């Protein structure tokens, strides 16, 4: 019976050692059990945060640049359309004036016949 208890205790110690070994392999021998580098803090965390912020600043700057270029292209396109429409308006106004002149001539000819 005593040997059975010793065997059970030995088995528990081996299992606990196995879990402890797995934790050391996972977290490193000098870890406080923090896990990930960003969880432990320190210079690594600061550097990681700085790199992440720089990455997102760069991404934002690229997106803003692309947006500015797109908006500039849209502005030029709109200005071209405005110029085209203004030209069409000018042509239509000329056509209206020509029609008024034609109507006056027709009315003069019609009045002269009476």
PDB file of N, CA and C in Angstrom:
ATOM      1  N   UNK A   1       0.814  -1.179   0.000  1.00  0.00           N
ATOM      2  CA  UNK A   1       0.000   0.000   0.000  1.00  0.00           C
ATOM      3  C   UNK A   1       0.869   1.259   0.000  1.00  0.00           C
ATOM      4  N   UNK A   2       1.938   1.249   0.773  1.00  0.00           N
ATOM      5  CA  UNK A   2       2.835   2.401   0.835  1.00  0.00           C
ATOM      6  C   UNK A   2       3.507   2.614  -0.517  1.00  0.00           C
ATOM      7  N   UNK A   3       3.838   1.516  -1.192  1.00  0.00           N
ATOM      8  CA  UNK A   3       4.475   1.660  -2.497  1.00  0.00           C
ATOM      9  C   UNK A   3       3.493   2.247  -3.507  1.00  0.00           C
ATOM     10  N   UNK A   4       2.230   1.925  -3.346  1.00  0.00           N
ATOM     11  CA  UNK A   4       1.210   2.483  -4.221  1.00  0.00           C
ATOM     12  C   UNK A   4       1.098   3.992  -4.009  1.00  0.00           C
ATOM     13  N   UNK A   5       1.193   4.450  -2.745  1.00  0.00           N
ATOM     14  CA  UNK A   5       1.126   5.878  -2.442  1.00  0.00           C
ATOM     15  C   UNK A   5       2.359   6.590  -2.995  1.00  0.00           C
ATOM     16  N   UNK A   6       3.550   5.933  -2.853  1.00  0.00           N
ATOM     17  CA  UNK A   6       4.767   6.536  -3.379  1.00  0.00           C
ATOM     18  C   UNK A   6       4.680   6.644  -4.908  1.00  0.00           C
ATOM     19  N   UNK A   7       4.150   5.636  -5.533  1.00  0.00           N
ATOM     20  CA  UNK A   7       4.003   5.643  -6.984  1.00  0.00           C
ATOM     21  C   UNK A   7       3.066   6.760  -7.421  1.00  0.00           C
ATOM     22  N   UNK A   8       1.982   6.954  -6.702  1.00  0.00           N
ATOM     23  CA  UNK A   8       1.027   8.006  -7.010  1.00  0.00           C
ATOM     24  C   UNK A   8       1.679   9.379  -6.825  1.00  0.00           C
ATOM     25  N   UNK A   9       2.450   9.542  -5.750  1.00  0.00           N
ATOM     26  CA  UNK A   9       3.135  10.819  -5.494  1.00  0.00           C
ATOM     27  C   UNK A   9       4.182  11.079  -6.580  1.00  0.00           C
ATOM     28  N   UNK A  10       4.910  10.054  -6.984  1.00  0.00           N
ATOM     29  CA  UNK A  10       5.915  10.200  -8.027  1.00  0.00           C
ATOM     30  C   UNK A  10       5.261  10.593  -9.352  1.00  0.00           C
ATOM     31  N   UNK A  11       4.117   9.971  -9.605  1.00  0.00           N
ATOM     32  CA  UNK A  11       3.404  10.282 -10.826  1.00  0.00           C
ATOM     33  C   UNK A  11       2.918  11.734 -10.826  1.00  0.00           C
ATOM     34  N   UNK A  12       2.414  12.211  -9.705  1.00  0.00           N
ATOM     35  CA  UNK A  12       1.958  13.604  -9.598  1.00  0.00           C
ATOM     36  C   UNK A  12       3.121  14.565  -9.788  1.00  0.00           C
ATOM     37  N   UNK A  13       4.272  14.249  -9.207  1.00  0.00           N
ATOM     38  CA  UNK A  13       5.444  15.114  -9.332  1.00  0.00           C
ATOM     39  C   UNK A  13       5.917  15.145 -10.778  1.00  0.00           C
ATOM     40  N   UNK A  14       5.901  14.002 -11.445  1.00  0.00           N
ATOM     41  CA  UNK A  14       6.321  13.955 -12.846  1.00  0.00           C
ATOM     42  C   UNK A  14       5.383  14.771 -13.716  1.00  0.00           C
ATOM     43  N   UNK A  15       4.102  14.668 -13.461  1.00  0.00           N
ATOM     44  CA  UNK A  15       3.133  15.424 -14.239  1.00  0.00           C
ATOM     45  C   UNK A  15       3.307  16.914 -13.996  1.00  0.00           C
ATOM     46  N   UNK A  16       3.535  17.302 -12.728  1.00  0.00           N
ATOM     47  CA  UNK A  16       3.722  18.721 -12.429  1.00  0.00           C
ATOM     48  C   UNK A  16       4.987  19.227 -13.108  1.00  0.00           C
ATOM     49  N   UNK A  17       6.050  18.406 -13.076  1.00  0.00           N
ATOM     50  CA  UNK A  17       7.291  18.794 -13.729  1.00  0.00           C
ATOM     51  C   UNK A  17       7.066  18.940 -15.236  1.00  0.00           C
ATOM     52  N   UNK A  18       6.266  18.057 -15.794  1.00  0.00           N
ATOM     53  CA  UNK A  18       5.961  18.135 -17.215  1.00  0.00           C
ATOM     54  C   UNK A  18       5.259  19.439 -17.571  1.00  0.00           C
ATOM     55  N   UNK A  19       4.322  19.846 -16.728  1.00  0.00           N
ATOM     56  CA  UNK A  19       3.635  21.108 -16.988  1.00  0.00           C
ATOM     57  C   UNK A  19       4.591  22.281 -16.822  1.00  0.00           C
ATOM     58  N   UNK A  20       5.436  22.206 -15.807  1.00  0.00           N
ATOM     59  CA  UNK A  20       6.382  23.280 -15.570  1.00  0.00           C
ATOM     60  C   UNK A  20       7.357  23.376 -16.739  1.00  0.00           C
ATOM     61  N   UNK A  21       7.815  22.230 -17.254  1.00  0.00           N
ATOM     62  CA  UNK A  21       8.738  22.203 -18.387  1.00  0.00           C
ATOM     63  C   UNK A  21       8.067  22.800 -19.622  1.00  0.00           C
ATOM     64  N   UNK A  22       6.811  22.479 -19.821  1.00  0.00           N
ATOM     65  CA  UNK A  22       6.088  23.032 -20.966  1.00  0.00           C
ATOM     66  C   UNK A  22       5.975  24.548 -20.845  1.00  0.00           C
ATOM     67  N   UNK A  23       5.750  25.024 -19.617  1.00  0.00           N
ATOM     68  CA  UNK A  23       5.646  26.468 -19.415  1.00  0.00           C
ATOM     69  C   UNK A  23       6.978  27.151 -19.683  1.00  0.00           C
ATOM     70  N   UNK A  24       8.078  26.528 -19.264  1.00  0.00           N
ATOM     71  CA  UNK A  24       9.403  27.097 -19.502  1.00  0.00           C
ATOM     72  C   UNK A  24       9.702  27.124 -20.994  1.00  0.00           C
ATOM     73  N   UNK A  25       9.353  26.046 -21.690  1.00  0.00           N
ATOM     74  CA  UNK A  25       9.582  26.009 -23.131  1.00  0.00           C
ATOM     75  C   UNK A  25       8.746  27.065 -23.851  1.00  0.00           C
ATOM     76  N   UNK A  26       7.536  27.271 -23.363  1.00  0.00           N
ATOM     77  CA  UNK A  26       6.645  28.218 -24.016  1.00  0.00           C
ATOM     78  C   UNK A  26       7.057  29.659 -23.707  1.00  0.00           C
ATOM     79  N   UNK A  27       7.327  29.971 -22.447  1.00  0.00           N
ATOM     80  CA  UNK A  27       7.546  31.352 -22.024  1.00  0.00           C
ATOM     81  C   UNK A  27       9.018  31.722 -21.879  1.00  0.00           C
ATOM     82  N   UNK A  28       9.904  30.747 -21.829  1.00  0.00           N
ATOM     83  CA  UNK A  28      11.323  31.036 -21.624  1.00  0.00           C
ATOM     84  C   UNK A  28      11.695  30.849 -20.161  1.00  0.00           C
ATOM     85  N   UNK A  29      12.963  30.554 -19.887  1.00  0.00           N
ATOM     86  CA  UNK A  29      13.367  30.228 -18.515  1.00  0.00           C
ATOM     87  C   UNK A  29      13.330  31.429 -17.576  1.00  0.00           C
ATOM     88  N   UNK A  30      13.401  32.658 -18.084  1.00  0.00           N
ATOM     89  CA  UNK A  30      13.456  33.831 -17.212  1.00  0.00           C
ATOM     90  C   UNK A  30      12.147  34.611 -17.217  1.00  0.00           C
ATOM     91  N   UNK A  31      11.129  33.992 -17.745  1.00  0.00           N
ATOM     92  CA  UNK A  31       9.841  34.665 -17.859  1.00  0.00           C
ATOM     93  C   UNK A  31       9.132  34.670 -16.524  1.00  0.00           C
ATOM     94  N   UNK A  32       8.359  35.723 -16.327  1.00  0.00           N
ATOM     95  CA  UNK A  32       7.542  35.791 -15.119  1.00  0.00           C
ATOM     96  C   UNK A  32       6.151  35.239 -15.402  1.00  0.00           C
ATOM     97  N   UNK A  33       6.034  34.525 -16.494  1.00  0.00           N
ATOM     98  CA  UNK A  33       4.728  33.979 -16.847  1.00  0.00           C
ATOM     99  C   UNK A  33       3.890  34.979 -17.619  1.00  0.00           C
ATOM    100  N   UNK A  34       4.514  36.060 -18.100  1.00  0.00           N
ATOM    101  CA  UNK A  34       3.783  37.108 -18.805  1.00  0.00           C
ATOM    102  C   UNK A  34       3.295  36.680 -20.172  1.00  0.00           C
ATOM    103  N   UNK A  35       4.008  35.751 -20.805  1.00  0.00           N
ATOM    104  CA  UNK A  35       3.568  35.292 -22.114  1.00  0.00           C
ATOM    105  C   UNK A  35       4.171  36.094 -23.235  1.00  0.00           C
ATOM    106  N   UNK A  36       3.407  36.909 -23.884  1.00  0.00           N
ATOM    107  CA  UNK A  36       3.803  37.660 -25.076  1.00  0.00           C
ATOM    108  C   UNK A  36       4.715  38.829 -24.698  1.00  0.00           C
ATOM    109  N   UNK A  37       5.566  39.236 -25.625  1.00  0.00           N
ATOM    110  CA  UNK A  37       6.502  40.333 -25.377  1.00  0.00           C
ATOM    111  C   UNK A  37       5.751  41.602 -25.016  1.00  0.00           C
ATOM    112  N   UNK A  38       4.652  41.883 -25.706  1.00  0.00           N
ATOM    113  CA  UNK A  38       3.917  43.113 -25.423  1.00  0.00           C
ATOM    114  C   UNK A  38       3.261  43.068 -24.048  1.00  0.00           C
ATOM    115  N   UNK A  39       3.075  41.860 -23.483  1.00  0.00           N
ATOM    116  CA  UNK A  39       2.504  41.749 -22.151  1.00  0.00           C
ATOM    117  C   UNK A  39       3.535  42.061 -21.080  1.00  0.00           C
ATOM    118  N   UNK A  40       4.798  41.796 -21.360  1.00  0.00           N
ATOM    119  CA  UNK A  40       5.820  41.973 -20.333  1.00  0.00           C
ATOM    120  C   UNK A  40       6.278  43.410 -20.239  1.00  0.00           C
ATOM    121  N   UNK A  41       6.137  44.187 -21.284  1.00  0.00           N
ATOM    122  CA  UNK A  41       6.485  45.607 -21.244  1.00  0.00           C
ATOM    123  C   UNK A  41       7.955  45.828 -21.521  1.00  0.00           C
ATOM    124  N   UNK A  42       8.441  46.956 -21.053  1.00  0.00           N
ATOM    125  CA  UNK A  42       9.844  47.265 -21.232  1.00  0.00           C
ATOM    126  C   UNK A  42      10.138  47.859 -22.585  1.00  0.00           C
ATOM    127  N   UNK A  43      11.419  47.833 -22.927  1.00  0.00           N
ATOM    128  CA  UNK A  43      11.899  48.438 -24.173  1.00  0.00           C
ATOM    129  C   UNK A  43      11.334  47.747 -25.408  1.00  0.00           C
ATOM    130  N   UNK A  44      11.143  46.426 -25.328  1.00  0.00           N
ATOM    131  CA  UNK A  44      10.587  45.715 -26.481  1.00  0.00           C
ATOM    132  C   UNK A  44       9.182  46.209 -26.789  1.00  0.00           C
ATOM    133  N   UNK A  45       8.407  46.410 -25.727  1.00  0.00           N
ATOM    134  CA  UNK A  45       7.031  46.886 -25.919  1.00  0.00           C
ATOM    135  C   UNK A  45       7.048  48.297 -26.506  1.00  0.00           C
ATOM    136  N   UNK A  46       7.898  49.152 -25.975  1.00  0.00           N
ATOM    137  CA  UNK A  46       7.989  50.515 -26.487  1.00  0.00           C
ATOM    138  C   UNK A  46       8.396  50.519 -27.958  1.00  0.00           C
ATOM    139  N   UNK A  47       9.382  49.696 -28.298  1.00  0.00           N
ATOM    140  CA  UNK A  47       9.851  49.625 -29.685  1.00  0.00           C
ATOM    141  C   UNK A  47       8.746  49.100 -30.596  1.00  0.00           C
ATOM    142  N   UNK A  48       8.060  48.065 -30.133  1.00  0.00           N
ATOM    143  CA  UNK A  48       6.970  47.498 -30.931  1.00  0.00           C
ATOM    144  C   UNK A  48       5.871  48.536 -31.158  1.00  0.00           C
ATOM    145  N   UNK A  49       5.520  49.279 -30.107  1.00  0.00           N
ATOM    146  CA  UNK A  49       4.492  50.309 -30.251  1.00  0.00           C
ATOM    147  C   UNK A  49       4.950  51.411 -31.201  1.00  0.00           C
ATOM    148  N   UNK A  50       6.220  51.812 -31.098  1.00  0.00           N
ATOM    149  CA  UNK A  50       6.745  52.855 -31.977  1.00  0.00           C
ATOM    150  C   UNK A  50       6.732  52.393 -33.431  1.00  0.00           C
ATOM    151  N   UNK A  51       7.120  51.137 -33.669  1.00  0.00           N
ATOM    152  CA  UNK A  51       7.117  50.606 -35.030  1.00  0.00           C
ATOM    153  C   UNK A  51       5.697  50.520 -35.574  1.00  0.00           C
ATOM    154  N   UNK A  52       4.771  50.108 -34.703  1.00  0.00           N
ATOM    155  CA  UNK A  52       3.370  50.004 -35.121  1.00  0.00           C
ATOM    156  C   UNK A  52       2.804  51.384 -35.459  1.00  0.00           C
ATOM    157  N   UNK A  53       3.103  52.368 -34.631  1.00  0.00           N
ATOM    158  CA  UNK A  53       2.627  53.725 -34.889  1.00  0.00           C
ATOM    159  C   UNK A  53       3.229  54.273 -36.181  1.00  0.00           C
ATOM    160  N   UNK A  54       4.515  54.022 -36.402  1.00  0.00           N
ATOM    161  CA  UNK A  54       5.166  54.478 -37.629  1.00  0.00           C
ATOM    162  C   UNK A  54       4.527  53.822 -38.848  1.00  0.00           C
ATOM    163  N   UNK A  55       4.220  52.544 -38.739  1.00  0.00           N
ATOM    164  CA  UNK A  55       3.582  51.813 -39.846  1.00  0.00           C
ATOM    165  C   UNK A  55       2.234  52.448 -40.178  1.00  0.00           C
ATOM    166  N   UNK A  56       1.425  52.706 -39.146  1.00  0.00           N
ATOM    167  CA  UNK A  56       0.100  53.259 -39.399  1.00  0.00           C
ATOM    168  C   UNK A  56       0.176  54.711 -39.871  1.00  0.00           C
ATOM    169  N   UNK A  57       1.159  55.481 -39.390  1.00  0.00           N
ATOM    170  CA  UNK A  57       1.340  56.840 -39.908  1.00  0.00           C
ATOM    171  C   UNK A  57       1.689  56.792 -41.387  1.00  0.00           C
ATOM    172  N   UNK A  58       2.576  55.857 -41.757  1.00  0.00           N
ATOM    173  CA  UNK A  58       2.965  55.717 -43.161  1.00  0.00           C
ATOM    174  C   UNK A  58       1.760  55.307 -44.008  1.00  0.00           C
ATOM    175  N   UNK A  59       0.978  54.338 -43.509  1.00  0.00           N
ATOM    176  CA  UNK A  59      -0.221  53.897 -44.237  1.00  0.00           C
ATOM    177  C   UNK A  59      -1.198  55.057 -44.417  1.00  0.00           C
ATOM    178  N   UNK A  60      -1.415  55.824 -43.355  1.00  0.00           N
ATOM    179  CA  UNK A  60      -2.337  56.955 -43.419  1.00  0.00           C
ATOM    180  C   UNK A  60      -1.834  57.999 -44.404  1.00  0.00           C
ATOM    181  N   UNK A  61      -0.522  58.275 -44.378  1.00  0.00           N
ATOM    182  CA  UNK A  61       0.054  59.252 -45.309  1.00  0.00           C
ATOM    183  C   UNK A  61      -0.126  58.793 -46.754  1.00  0.00           C
ATOM    184  N   UNK A  62       0.095  57.500 -47.015  1.00  0.00           N
ATOM    185  CA  UNK A  62      -0.094  56.973 -48.371  1.00  0.00           C
ATOM    186  C   UNK A  62      -1.546  57.073 -48.809  1.00  0.00           C
ATOM    187  N   UNK A  63      -2.457  56.764 -47.892  1.00  0.00           N
ATOM    188  CA  UNK A  63      -3.880  56.856 -48.220  1.00  0.00           C
ATOM    189  C   UNK A  63      -4.291  58.300 -48.499  1.00  0.00           C
ATOM    190  N   UNK A  64      -3.776  59.236 -47.683  1.00  0.00           N
ATOM    191  CA  UNK A  64      -4.088  60.643 -47.907  1.00  0.00           C
ATOM    192  C   UNK A  64      -3.524  61.130 -49.230  1.00  0.00           C
ATOM    193  N   UNK A  65      -2.315  60.689 -49.566  1.00  0.00           N
ATOM    194  CA  UNK A  65      -1.713  61.073 -50.844  1.00  0.00           C
ATOM    195  C   UNK A  65      -2.564  60.561 -52.003  1.00  0.00           C
ATOM    196  N   UNK A  66      -2.980  59.300 -51.917  1.00  0.00           N
ATOM    197  CA  UNK A  66      -3.814  58.716 -52.969  1.00  0.00           C
ATOM    198  C   UNK A  66      -5.151  59.455 -53.062  1.00  0.00           C
ATOM    199  N   UNK A  67      -5.706  59.813 -51.919  1.00  0.00           N
ATOM    200  CA  UNK A  67      -6.978  60.538 -51.905  1.00  0.00           C
ATOM    201  C   UNK A  67      -6.817  61.925 -52.521  1.00  0.00           C
ATOM    202  N   UNK A  68      -5.714  62.605 -52.196  1.00  0.00           N
ATOM    203  CA  UNK A  68      -5.469  63.926 -52.800  1.00  0.00           C
ATOM    204  C   UNK A  68      -5.338  63.820 -54.314  1.00  0.00           C
ATOM    205  N   UNK A  69      -4.593  62.828 -54.782  1.00  0.00           N
ATOM    206  CA  UNK A  69      -4.426  62.636 -56.223  1.00  0.00           C
ATOM    207  C   UNK A  69      -5.767  62.356 -56.891  1.00  0.00           C
ATOM    208  N   UNK A  70      -6.574  61.515 -56.262  1.00  0.00           N
ATOM    209  CA  UNK A  70      -7.892  61.191 -56.793  1.00  0.00           C
ATOM    210  C   UNK A  70      -8.767  62.449 -56.857  1.00  0.00           C
ATOM    211  N   UNK A  71      -8.746  63.237 -55.774  1.00  0.00           N
ATOM    212  CA  UNK A  71      -9.565  64.442 -55.735  1.00  0.00           C
ATOM    213  C   UNK A  71      -9.079  65.467 -56.763  1.00  0.00           C
ATOM    214  N   UNK A  72      -7.776  65.560 -56.963  1.00  0.00           N
ATOM    215  CA  UNK A  72      -7.238  66.471 -57.974  1.00  0.00           C
ATOM    216  C   UNK A  72      -7.690  66.032 -59.371  1.00  0.00           C
ATOM    217  N   UNK A  73      -7.661  64.728 -59.616  1.00  0.00           N
ATOM    218  CA  UNK A  73      -8.117  64.200 -60.902  1.00  0.00           C
ATOM    219  C   UNK A  73      -9.611  64.494 -61.096  1.00  0.00           C
ATOM    220  N   UNK A  74     -10.403  64.293 -60.048  1.00  0.00           N
ATOM    221  CA  UNK A  74     -11.839  64.582 -60.137  1.00  0.00           C
ATOM    222  C   UNK A  74     -12.079  66.073 -60.386  1.00  0.00           C
ATOM    223  N   UNK A  75     -11.266  66.932 -59.751  1.00  0.00           N
ATOM    224  CA  UNK A  75     -11.401  68.370 -59.941  1.00  0.00           C
ATOM    225  C   UNK A  75     -11.123  68.744 -61.397  1.00  0.00           C
ATOM    226  N   UNK A  76     -10.050  68.198 -61.972  1.00  0.00           N
ATOM    227  CA  UNK A  76      -9.721  68.486 -63.363  1.00  0.00           C
ATOM    228  C   UNK A  76     -10.818  67.992 -64.293  1.00  0.00           C
ATOM    229  N   UNK A  77     -11.325  66.798 -64.010  1.00  0.00           N
ATOM    230  CA  UNK A  77     -12.395  66.237 -64.825  1.00  0.00           C
ATOM    231  C   UNK A  77     -13.645  67.112 -64.744  1.00  0.00           C
ATOM    232  N   UNK A  78     -13.974  67.556 -63.545  1.00  0.00           N
ATOM    233  CA  UNK A  78     -15.145  68.415 -63.368  1.00  0.00           C
ATOM    234  C   UNK A  78     -14.964  69.745 -64.079  1.00  0.00           C
ATOM    235  N   UNK A  79     -13.749  70.311 -64.006  1.00  0.00           N
ATOM    236  CA  UNK A  79     -13.488  71.575 -64.697  1.00  0.00           C
ATOM    237  C   UNK A  79     -13.637  71.416 -66.210  1.00  0.00           C
ATOM    238  N   UNK A  80     -13.191  70.276 -66.740  1.00  0.00           N
ATOM    239  CA  UNK A  80     -13.364  70.019 -68.171  1.00  0.00           C
ATOM    240  C   UNK A  80     -14.839  69.927 -68.529  1.00  0.00           C
ATOM    241  N   UNK A  81     -15.603  69.219 -67.697  1.00  0.00           N
ATOM    242  CA  UNK A  81     -17.045  69.107 -67.954  1.00  0.00           C
ATOM    243  C   UNK A  81     -17.726  70.465 -67.880  1.00  0.00           C
ATOM    244  N   UNK A  82     -17.322  71.282 -66.915  1.00  0.00           N
ATOM    245  CA  UNK A  82     -17.905  72.624 -66.789  1.00  0.00           C
ATOM    246  C   UNK A  82     -17.622  73.431 -68.052  1.00  0.00           C
ATOM    247  N   UNK A  83     -16.369  73.369 -68.532  1.00  0.00           N
ATOM    248  CA  UNK A  83     -16.007  74.108 -69.749  1.00  0.00           C
ATOM    249  C   UNK A  83     -16.829  73.620 -70.941  1.00  0.00           C
ATOM    250  N   UNK A  84     -16.997  72.301 -71.059  1.00  0.00           N
ATOM    251  CA  UNK A  84     -17.804  71.749 -72.151  1.00  0.00           C
ATOM    252  C   UNK A  84     -19.254  72.229 -72.050  1.00  0.00           C
ATOM    253  N   UNK A  85     -19.803  72.216 -70.859  1.00  0.00           N
ATOM    254  CA  UNK A  85     -21.192  72.639 -70.667  1.00  0.00           C
ATOM    255  C   UNK A  85     -21.351  74.127 -70.946  1.00  0.00           C
ATOM    256  N   UNK A  86     -20.362  74.932 -70.511  1.00  0.00           N
ATOM    257  CA  UNK A  86     -20.435  76.355 -70.790  1.00  0.00           C
ATOM    258  C   UNK A  86     -20.397  76.618 -72.298  1.00  0.00           C
ATOM    259  N   UNK A  87     -19.595  75.842 -73.016  1.00  0.00           N
ATOM    260  CA  UNK A  87     -19.538  75.978 -74.477  1.00  0.00           C
ATOM    261  C   UNK A  87     -20.888  75.604 -75.092  1.00  0.00           C
ATOM    262  N   UNK A  88     -21.492  74.542 -74.611  1.00  0.00           N
ATOM    263  CA  UNK A  88     -22.820  74.150 -75.115  1.00  0.00           C
ATOM    264  C   UNK A  88     -23.858  75.227 -74.814  1.00  0.00           C
ATOM    265  N   UNK A  89     -23.801  75.818 -73.630  1.00  0.00           N
ATOM    266  CA  UNK A  89     -24.736  76.885 -73.277  1.00  0.00           C
ATOM    267  C   UNK A  89     -24.557  78.068 -74.224  1.00  0.00           C
ATOM    268  N   UNK A  90     -23.282  78.429 -74.483  1.00  0.00           N
ATOM    269  CA  UNK A  90     -23.002  79.530 -75.403  1.00  0.00           C
ATOM    270  C   UNK A  90     -23.590  79.251 -76.785  1.00  0.00           C
ATOM    271  N   UNK A  91     -23.394  78.011 -77.265  1.00  0.00           N
ATOM    272  CA  UNK A  91     -23.937  77.639 -78.582  1.00  0.00           C
ATOM    273  C   UNK A  91     -25.462  77.722 -78.596  1.00  0.00           C
ATOM    274  N   UNK A  92     -26.098  77.275 -77.532  1.00  0.00           N
ATOM    275  CA  UNK A  92     -27.555  77.309 -77.466  1.00  0.00           C
ATOM    276  C   UNK A  92     -28.066  78.742 -77.415  1.00  0.00           C
ATOM    277  N   UNK A  93     -27.357  79.597 -76.679  1.00  0.00           N
ATOM    278  CA  UNK A  93     -27.771  81.005 -76.638  1.00  0.00           C
ATOM    279  C   UNK A  93     -27.661  81.638 -78.030  1.00  0.00           C
ATOM    280  N   UNK A  94     -26.572  81.299 -78.757  1.00  0.00           N
ATOM    281  CA  UNK A  94     -26.432  81.793 -80.129  1.00  0.00           C
ATOM    282  C   UNK A  94     -27.569  81.288 -81.013  1.00  0.00           C
ATOM    283  N   UNK A  95     -27.915  80.013 -80.830  1.00  0.00           N
ATOM    284  CA  UNK A  95     -29.008  79.440 -81.625  1.00  0.00           C
ATOM    285  C   UNK A  95     -30.323  80.144 -81.310  1.00  0.00           C
ATOM    286  N   UNK A  96     -30.536  80.458 -80.035  1.00  0.00           N
ATOM    287  CA  UNK A  96     -31.769  81.165 -79.652  1.00  0.00           C
ATOM    288  C   UNK A  96     -31.795  82.552 -80.280  1.00  0.00           C
ATOM    289  N   UNK A  97     -30.650  83.248 -80.231  1.00  0.00           N
ATOM    290  CA  UNK A  97     -30.587  84.582 -80.857  1.00  0.00           C
ATOM    291  C   UNK A  97     -30.822  84.494 -82.363  1.00  0.00           C
ATOM    292  N   UNK A  98     -30.247  83.484 -82.990  1.00  0.00           N
ATOM    293  CA  UNK A  98     -30.479  83.290 -84.432  1.00  0.00           C
ATOM    294  C   UNK A  98     -31.957  83.043 -84.712  1.00  0.00           C
ATOM    295  N   UNK A  99     -32.598  82.248 -83.861  1.00  0.00           N
ATOM    296  CA  UNK A  99     -34.034  81.997 -84.040  1.00  0.00           C
ATOM    297  C   UNK A  99     -34.841  83.275 -83.863  1.00  0.00           C
ATOM    298  N   UNK A 100     -34.471  84.098 -82.881  1.00  0.00           N
ATOM    299  CA  UNK A 100     -35.177  85.381 -82.703  1.00  0.00           C
ATOM    300  C   UNK A 100     -35.002  86.268 -83.928  1.00  0.00           C
ATOM    301  N   UNK A 101     -33.762  86.295 -84.449  1.00  0.00           N
ATOM    302  CA  UNK A 101     -33.521  87.087 -85.668  1.00  0.00           C
ATOM    303  C   UNK A 101     -34.363  86.557 -86.822  1.00  0.00           C
ATOM    304  N   UNK A 102     -34.407  85.232 -86.966  1.00  0.00           N
ATOM    305  CA  UNK A 102     -35.209  84.624 -88.029  1.00  0.00           C
ATOM    306  C   UNK A 102     -36.687  84.953 -87.852  1.00  0.00           C
ATOM    307  N   UNK A 103     -37.159  84.916 -86.603  1.00  0.00           N
ATOM    308  CA  UNK A 103     -38.570  85.225 -86.340  1.00  0.00           C
ATOM    309  C   UNK A 103     -38.863  86.677 -86.698  1.00  0.00           C
ATOM    310  N   UNK A 104     -37.942  87.580 -86.393  1.00  0.00           N
ATOM    311  CA  UNK A 104     -38.147  88.990 -86.727  1.00  0.00           C
ATOM    312  C   UNK A 104     -38.192  89.181 -88.241  1.00  0.00           C
ATOM    313  N   UNK A 105     -37.287  88.487 -88.935  1.00  0.00           N
ATOM    314  CA  UNK A 105     -37.282  88.585 -90.399  1.00  0.00           C
ATOM    315  C   UNK A 105     -38.576  88.040 -90.982  1.00  0.00           C
ATOM    316  N   UNK A 106     -39.037  86.926 -90.449  1.00  0.00           N
ATOM    317  CA  UNK A 106     -40.284  86.330 -90.937  1.00  0.00           C
ATOM    318  C   UNK A 106     -41.448  87.272 -90.661  1.00  0.00           C
ATOM    319  N   UNK A 107     -41.465  87.852 -89.483  1.00  0.00           N
ATOM    320  CA  UNK A 107     -42.577  88.757 -89.154  1.00  0.00           C
ATOM    321  C   UNK A 107     -42.519  90.019 -90.022  1.00  0.00           C
ATOM    322  N   UNK A 108     -41.316  90.524 -90.349  1.00  0.00           N
ATOM    323  CA  UNK A 108     -41.185  91.687 -91.232  1.00  0.00           C
ATOM    324  C   UNK A 108     -41.681  91.337 -92.650  1.00  0.00           C
ATOM    325  N   UNK A 109     -41.293  90.186 -93.123  1.00  0.00           N
ATOM    326  CA  UNK A 109     -41.735  89.757 -94.442  1.00  0.00           C
ATOM    327  C   UNK A 109     -43.243  89.580 -94.428  1.00  0.00           C
ATOM    328  N   UNK A 110     -43.773  89.033 -93.376  1.00  0.00           N
ATOM    329  CA  UNK A 110     -45.202  88.819 -93.266  1.00  0.00           C
ATOM    330  C   UNK A 110     -45.932  90.179 -93.183  1.00  0.00           C
ATOM    331  N   UNK A 111     -45.365  91.097 -92.427  1.00  0.00           N
ATOM    332  CA  UNK A 111     -45.975  92.438 -92.314  1.00  0.00           C
ATOM    333  C   UNK A 111     -45.883  93.190 -93.642  1.00  0.00           C
ATOM    334  N   UNK A 112     -44.800  93.018 -94.383  1.00  0.00           N
ATOM    335  CA  UNK A 112     -44.623  93.692 -95.661  1.00  0.00           C
ATOM    336  C   UNK A 112     -45.637  93.178 -96.693  1.00  0.00           C
ATOM    337  N   UNK A 113     -46.022  91.955 -96.609  1.00  0.00           N
ATOM    338  CA  UNK A 113     -46.976  91.396 -97.559  1.00  0.00           C
ATOM    339  C   UNK A 113     -48.369  91.934 -97.309  1.00  0.00           C
ATOM    340  N   UNK A 114     -48.658  92.394 -96.181  1.00  0.00           N
ATOM    341  CA  UNK A 114     -50.017  92.880 -95.876  1.00  0.00           C
ATOM    342  C   UNK A 114     -50.232  94.219 -96.411  1.00  0.00           C
TER     343      UNK A 114
END
